[in-house]
Amino acid sequence: MKNAQKQVDEWVRQYKIGYFKPLEIIACLAEETGELAREINHRFGPKQKKSTEDVQEVEDEIGDIIFTLACLSNSLDIDIERGFQKTMDKCYGRDKDRWAKK
């Protein structure tokens, strides 16, 4: 994730506008998440695409979300890897016996 954050930072810093404000980035994240949800619903749910709608790649939509999260993290000087590791520590600690194992 450090590499992803670095790439995003290098790309953003080439523009005068820089990072959007955190609330603006959250709005972008909500939009991108909605696009992923719509595509998942079209593929696996009951909702059919309109004939005028293009097929979107789930991989691309997830990539957009990761980019947006990197923007938010960079703008707030947050290390995504460290945050993710804390979450995994919870999974292996607090939640280790939460579900039946294979």
N, C-alpha and C. Protein backbone atom coordinates (compact mmCIF):
# COMPACT_ATOMS: atom_id res chain seq x y z
N MET A 1 0.83 -1.20 0.00
CA MET A 1 0.00 0.00 0.00
C MET A 1 0.87 1.26 0.00
N LYS A 2 2.06 1.17 0.56
CA LYS A 2 2.94 2.34 0.56
C LYS A 2 3.23 2.79 -0.87
N ASN A 3 3.44 1.81 -1.75
CA ASN A 3 3.71 2.14 -3.14
C ASN A 3 2.50 2.81 -3.78
N ALA A 4 1.32 2.30 -3.49
CA ALA A 4 0.09 2.91 -4.04
C ALA A 4 -0.05 4.34 -3.54
N GLN A 5 0.17 4.55 -2.25
CA GLN A 5 0.06 5.90 -1.70
C GLN A 5 1.09 6.82 -2.33
N LYS A 6 2.30 6.31 -2.56
CA LYS A 6 3.36 7.12 -3.17
C LYS A 6 2.99 7.49 -4.61
N GLN A 7 2.50 6.52 -5.37
CA GLN A 7 2.11 6.79 -6.75
C GLN A 7 0.99 7.84 -6.82
N VAL A 8 0.00 7.70 -5.96
CA VAL A 8 -1.10 8.66 -5.92
C VAL A 8 -0.57 10.04 -5.57
N ASP A 9 0.32 10.10 -4.56
CA ASP A 9 0.85 11.38 -4.14
C ASP A 9 1.64 12.06 -5.26
N GLU A 10 2.45 11.29 -5.96
CA GLU A 10 3.22 11.85 -7.08
C GLU A 10 2.29 12.38 -8.16
N TRP A 11 1.23 11.66 -8.43
CA TRP A 11 0.29 12.10 -9.46
C TRP A 11 -0.44 13.37 -9.03
N VAL A 12 -0.94 13.39 -7.79
CA VAL A 12 -1.72 14.54 -7.31
C VAL A 12 -0.84 15.79 -7.23
N ARG A 13 0.38 15.65 -6.75
CA ARG A 13 1.25 16.80 -6.52
C ARG A 13 1.69 17.52 -7.79
N GLN A 14 1.46 16.93 -8.94
CA GLN A 14 1.82 17.61 -10.18
C GLN A 14 0.80 18.68 -10.57
N TYR A 15 -0.31 18.73 -9.86
CA TYR A 15 -1.37 19.69 -10.15
C TYR A 15 -1.48 20.73 -9.04
N LYS A 16 -1.75 21.97 -9.42
CA LYS A 16 -1.86 23.06 -8.45
C LYS A 16 -2.94 22.81 -7.41
N ILE A 17 -4.04 22.21 -7.82
CA ILE A 17 -5.17 22.02 -6.90
C ILE A 17 -4.82 21.11 -5.73
N GLY A 18 -3.91 20.15 -5.94
CA GLY A 18 -3.54 19.23 -4.87
C GLY A 18 -4.70 18.33 -4.47
N TYR A 19 -4.69 17.94 -3.22
CA TYR A 19 -5.75 17.06 -2.72
C TYR A 19 -7.01 17.87 -2.45
N PHE A 20 -8.15 17.24 -2.71
CA PHE A 20 -9.42 17.85 -2.32
C PHE A 20 -9.49 17.84 -0.79
N LYS A 21 -10.45 18.55 -0.25
CA LYS A 21 -10.69 18.52 1.19
C LYS A 21 -11.25 17.15 1.57
N PRO A 22 -11.01 16.72 2.83
CA PRO A 22 -11.46 15.37 3.23
C PRO A 22 -12.94 15.10 2.96
N LEU A 23 -13.82 16.04 3.21
CA LEU A 23 -15.24 15.79 2.95
C LEU A 23 -15.52 15.63 1.46
N GLU A 24 -14.77 16.33 0.63
CA GLU A 24 -14.93 16.17 -0.82
C GLU A 24 -14.45 14.78 -1.25
N ILE A 25 -13.37 14.32 -0.64
CA ILE A 25 -12.86 13.00 -0.97
C ILE A 25 -13.84 11.92 -0.51
N ILE A 26 -14.45 12.12 0.65
CA ILE A 26 -15.46 11.15 1.12
C ILE A 26 -16.63 11.10 0.15
N ALA A 27 -17.02 12.26 -0.39
CA ALA A 27 -18.10 12.27 -1.39
C ALA A 27 -17.69 11.47 -2.62
N CYS A 28 -16.44 11.63 -3.04
CA CYS A 28 -15.93 10.85 -4.18
C CYS A 28 -15.92 9.35 -3.84
N LEU A 29 -15.54 9.03 -2.61
CA LEU A 29 -15.51 7.63 -2.18
C LEU A 29 -16.91 7.03 -2.20
N ALA A 30 -17.88 7.80 -1.75
CA ALA A 30 -19.27 7.32 -1.77
C ALA A 30 -19.72 7.07 -3.21
N GLU A 31 -19.34 7.96 -4.10
CA GLU A 31 -19.70 7.81 -5.52
C GLU A 31 -19.06 6.56 -6.11
N GLU A 32 -17.77 6.38 -5.85
CA GLU A 32 -17.06 5.21 -6.38
C GLU A 32 -17.62 3.91 -5.79
N THR A 33 -17.93 3.93 -4.51
CA THR A 33 -18.51 2.75 -3.86
C THR A 33 -19.87 2.43 -4.46
N GLY A 34 -20.64 3.47 -4.76
CA GLY A 34 -21.93 3.27 -5.41
C GLY A 34 -21.78 2.64 -6.78
N GLU A 35 -20.76 3.05 -7.53
CA GLU A 35 -20.52 2.45 -8.84
C GLU A 35 -20.17 0.97 -8.72
N LEU A 36 -19.37 0.63 -7.71
CA LEU A 36 -19.05 -0.78 -7.47
C LEU A 36 -20.31 -1.55 -7.08
N ALA A 37 -21.10 -0.98 -6.19
CA ALA A 37 -22.33 -1.64 -5.74
C ALA A 37 -23.28 -1.87 -6.91
N ARG A 38 -23.39 -0.89 -7.78
CA ARG A 38 -24.28 -1.01 -8.94
C ARG A 38 -23.82 -2.16 -9.84
N GLU A 39 -22.52 -2.23 -10.09
CA GLU A 39 -22.01 -3.29 -10.96
C GLU A 39 -22.19 -4.66 -10.32
N ILE A 40 -21.94 -4.78 -9.02
CA ILE A 40 -22.15 -6.05 -8.32
C ILE A 40 -23.63 -6.44 -8.38
N ASN A 41 -24.50 -5.47 -8.18
CA ASN A 41 -25.94 -5.73 -8.24
C ASN A 41 -26.36 -6.19 -9.63
N HIS A 42 -25.77 -5.62 -10.66
CA HIS A 42 -26.09 -6.03 -12.03
C HIS A 42 -25.62 -7.46 -12.30
N ARG A 43 -24.47 -7.80 -11.77
CA ARG A 43 -23.91 -9.13 -12.04
C ARG A 43 -24.51 -10.22 -11.17
N PHE A 44 -24.74 -9.91 -9.90
CA PHE A 44 -25.11 -10.97 -8.95
C PHE A 44 -26.47 -10.75 -8.30
N GLY A 45 -27.06 -9.61 -8.52
CA GLY A 45 -28.34 -9.30 -7.91
C GLY A 45 -29.47 -9.32 -8.93
N PRO A 46 -30.61 -8.86 -8.51
CA PRO A 46 -31.79 -8.92 -9.37
C PRO A 46 -31.87 -7.80 -10.41
N LYS A 47 -31.05 -6.78 -10.25
CA LYS A 47 -31.18 -5.61 -11.13
C LYS A 47 -30.47 -5.85 -12.46
N GLN A 48 -31.19 -5.64 -13.53
CA GLN A 48 -30.63 -5.79 -14.87
C GLN A 48 -30.13 -4.43 -15.38
N LYS A 49 -29.06 -4.47 -16.15
CA LYS A 49 -28.56 -3.24 -16.76
C LYS A 49 -29.53 -2.74 -17.81
N LYS A 50 -29.55 -1.42 -17.97
CA LYS A 50 -30.30 -0.83 -19.08
C LYS A 50 -29.52 -1.10 -20.35
N SER A 51 -30.19 -1.15 -21.46
CA SER A 51 -29.52 -1.44 -22.72
C SER A 51 -28.49 -0.36 -23.08
N THR A 52 -28.65 0.82 -22.52
CA THR A 52 -27.74 1.92 -22.82
C THR A 52 -26.52 1.95 -21.88
N GLU A 53 -26.50 1.08 -20.85
CA GLU A 53 -25.40 1.09 -19.88
C GLU A 53 -24.26 0.19 -20.33
N ASP A 54 -23.04 0.68 -20.19
CA ASP A 54 -21.86 -0.11 -20.49
C ASP A 54 -21.55 -1.04 -19.33
N VAL A 55 -20.93 -2.15 -19.65
CA VAL A 55 -20.45 -3.07 -18.61
C VAL A 55 -19.21 -2.44 -18.00
N GLN A 56 -19.16 -2.41 -16.69
CA GLN A 56 -17.99 -1.90 -15.98
C GLN A 56 -17.25 -3.09 -15.38
N GLU A 57 -15.97 -2.96 -15.27
CA GLU A 57 -15.17 -4.02 -14.67
C GLU A 57 -15.12 -3.83 -13.16
N VAL A 58 -15.44 -4.86 -12.42
CA VAL A 58 -15.40 -4.80 -10.96
C VAL A 58 -13.99 -4.43 -10.51
N GLU A 59 -13.00 -5.00 -11.16
CA GLU A 59 -11.60 -4.70 -10.83
C GLU A 59 -11.32 -3.20 -10.95
N ASP A 60 -11.82 -2.57 -12.00
CA ASP A 60 -11.61 -1.14 -12.20
C ASP A 60 -12.30 -0.32 -11.11
N GLU A 61 -13.49 -0.74 -10.73
CA GLU A 61 -14.23 -0.01 -9.69
C GLU A 61 -13.50 -0.12 -8.35
N ILE A 62 -12.96 -1.30 -8.05
CA ILE A 62 -12.19 -1.47 -6.82
C ILE A 62 -10.92 -0.60 -6.88
N GLY A 63 -10.29 -0.56 -8.04
CA GLY A 63 -9.12 0.30 -8.22
C GLY A 63 -9.44 1.76 -7.95
N ASP A 64 -10.61 2.21 -8.42
CA ASP A 64 -11.03 3.59 -8.17
C ASP A 64 -11.20 3.86 -6.67
N ILE A 65 -11.72 2.88 -5.96
CA ILE A 65 -11.91 3.02 -4.51
C ILE A 65 -10.56 3.09 -3.81
N ILE A 66 -9.63 2.24 -4.20
CA ILE A 66 -8.30 2.26 -3.58
C ILE A 66 -7.62 3.59 -3.85
N PHE A 67 -7.72 4.10 -5.07
CA PHE A 67 -7.15 5.41 -5.40
C PHE A 67 -7.73 6.49 -4.50
N THR A 68 -9.04 6.48 -4.34
CA THR A 68 -9.71 7.49 -3.53
C THR A 68 -9.32 7.37 -2.07
N LEU A 69 -9.22 6.15 -1.56
CA LEU A 69 -8.77 5.94 -0.18
C LEU A 69 -7.32 6.41 0.01
N ALA A 70 -6.49 6.20 -1.01
CA ALA A 70 -5.11 6.69 -0.94
C ALA A 70 -5.09 8.22 -0.90
N CYS A 71 -5.98 8.85 -1.68
CA CYS A 71 -6.08 10.31 -1.64
C CYS A 71 -6.46 10.80 -0.25
N LEU A 72 -7.46 10.16 0.34
CA LEU A 72 -7.91 10.55 1.68
C LEU A 72 -6.79 10.34 2.69
N SER A 73 -6.16 9.19 2.64
CA SER A 73 -5.07 8.88 3.57
C SER A 73 -3.91 9.87 3.43
N ASN A 74 -3.52 10.12 2.20
CA ASN A 74 -2.42 11.06 1.97
C ASN A 74 -2.77 12.46 2.45
N SER A 75 -3.99 12.88 2.19
CA SER A 75 -4.38 14.23 2.58
C SER A 75 -4.40 14.40 4.10
N LEU A 76 -4.58 13.30 4.82
CA LEU A 76 -4.61 13.34 6.28
C LEU A 76 -3.32 12.80 6.91
N ASP A 77 -2.33 12.50 6.05
CA ASP A 77 -1.04 11.96 6.49
C ASP A 77 -1.23 10.67 7.31
N ILE A 78 -2.00 9.76 6.75
CA ILE A 78 -2.29 8.47 7.38
C ILE A 78 -1.63 7.36 6.57
N ASP A 79 -1.02 6.41 7.26
CA ASP A 79 -0.40 5.25 6.64
C ASP A 79 -1.45 4.15 6.53
N ILE A 80 -1.90 3.87 5.31
CA ILE A 80 -2.93 2.85 5.10
C ILE A 80 -2.47 1.49 5.63
N GLU A 81 -1.22 1.15 5.38
CA GLU A 81 -0.71 -0.14 5.81
C GLU A 81 -0.83 -0.31 7.33
N ARG A 82 -0.49 0.72 8.07
CA ARG A 82 -0.57 0.66 9.53
C ARG A 82 -2.02 0.50 9.97
N GLY A 83 -2.93 1.25 9.35
CA GLY A 83 -4.34 1.11 9.68
C GLY A 83 -4.87 -0.27 9.35
N PHE A 84 -4.46 -0.78 8.20
CA PHE A 84 -4.89 -2.12 7.80
C PHE A 84 -4.35 -3.17 8.76
N GLN A 85 -3.11 -3.03 9.18
CA GLN A 85 -2.52 -4.00 10.10
C GLN A 85 -3.26 -4.00 11.43
N LYS A 86 -3.68 -2.84 11.90
CA LYS A 86 -4.47 -2.78 13.13
C LYS A 86 -5.77 -3.56 12.97
N THR A 87 -6.38 -3.44 11.81
CA THR A 87 -7.62 -4.18 11.54
C THR A 87 -7.35 -5.68 11.54
N MET A 88 -6.27 -6.10 10.89
CA MET A 88 -5.94 -7.53 10.86
C MET A 88 -5.61 -8.05 12.26
N ASP A 89 -4.97 -7.22 13.07
CA ASP A 89 -4.70 -7.62 14.45
C ASP A 89 -6.00 -7.88 15.20
N LYS A 90 -7.01 -7.07 14.94
CA LYS A 90 -8.32 -7.29 15.56
C LYS A 90 -8.91 -8.61 15.08
N CYS A 91 -8.77 -8.88 13.77
CA CYS A 91 -9.31 -10.12 13.22
C CYS A 91 -8.67 -11.34 13.88
N TYR A 92 -7.35 -11.31 14.04
CA TYR A 92 -6.63 -12.45 14.62
C TYR A 92 -6.67 -12.45 16.14
N GLY A 93 -7.09 -11.36 16.74
CA GLY A 93 -7.19 -11.28 18.20
C GLY A 93 -8.63 -11.41 18.63
N ARG A 94 -9.31 -10.31 18.67
CA ARG A 94 -10.68 -10.25 19.17
C ARG A 94 -11.63 -11.18 18.42
N ASP A 95 -11.47 -11.27 17.11
CA ASP A 95 -12.44 -12.01 16.29
C ASP A 95 -12.00 -13.42 15.92
N LYS A 96 -10.92 -13.92 16.52
CA LYS A 96 -10.37 -15.21 16.09
C LYS A 96 -11.32 -16.38 16.28
N ASP A 97 -12.22 -16.30 17.23
CA ASP A 97 -13.16 -17.40 17.47
C ASP A 97 -14.59 -17.01 17.13
N ARG A 98 -14.74 -15.98 16.34
CA ARG A 98 -16.08 -15.45 16.05
C ARG A 98 -16.89 -16.37 15.14
N TRP A 99 -16.24 -17.04 14.21
CA TRP A 99 -16.94 -17.91 13.26
C TRP A 99 -16.33 -19.30 13.29
N ALA A 100 -17.10 -20.28 12.84
CA ALA A 100 -16.60 -21.66 12.78
C ALA A 100 -15.51 -21.76 11.72
N LYS A 101 -14.42 -22.43 12.05
CA LYS A 101 -13.30 -22.58 11.12
C LYS A 101 -13.46 -23.85 10.29
N LYS A 102 -12.82 -23.85 9.16
CA LYS A 102 -12.85 -25.01 8.25
C LYS A 102 -12.09 -26.16 8.86
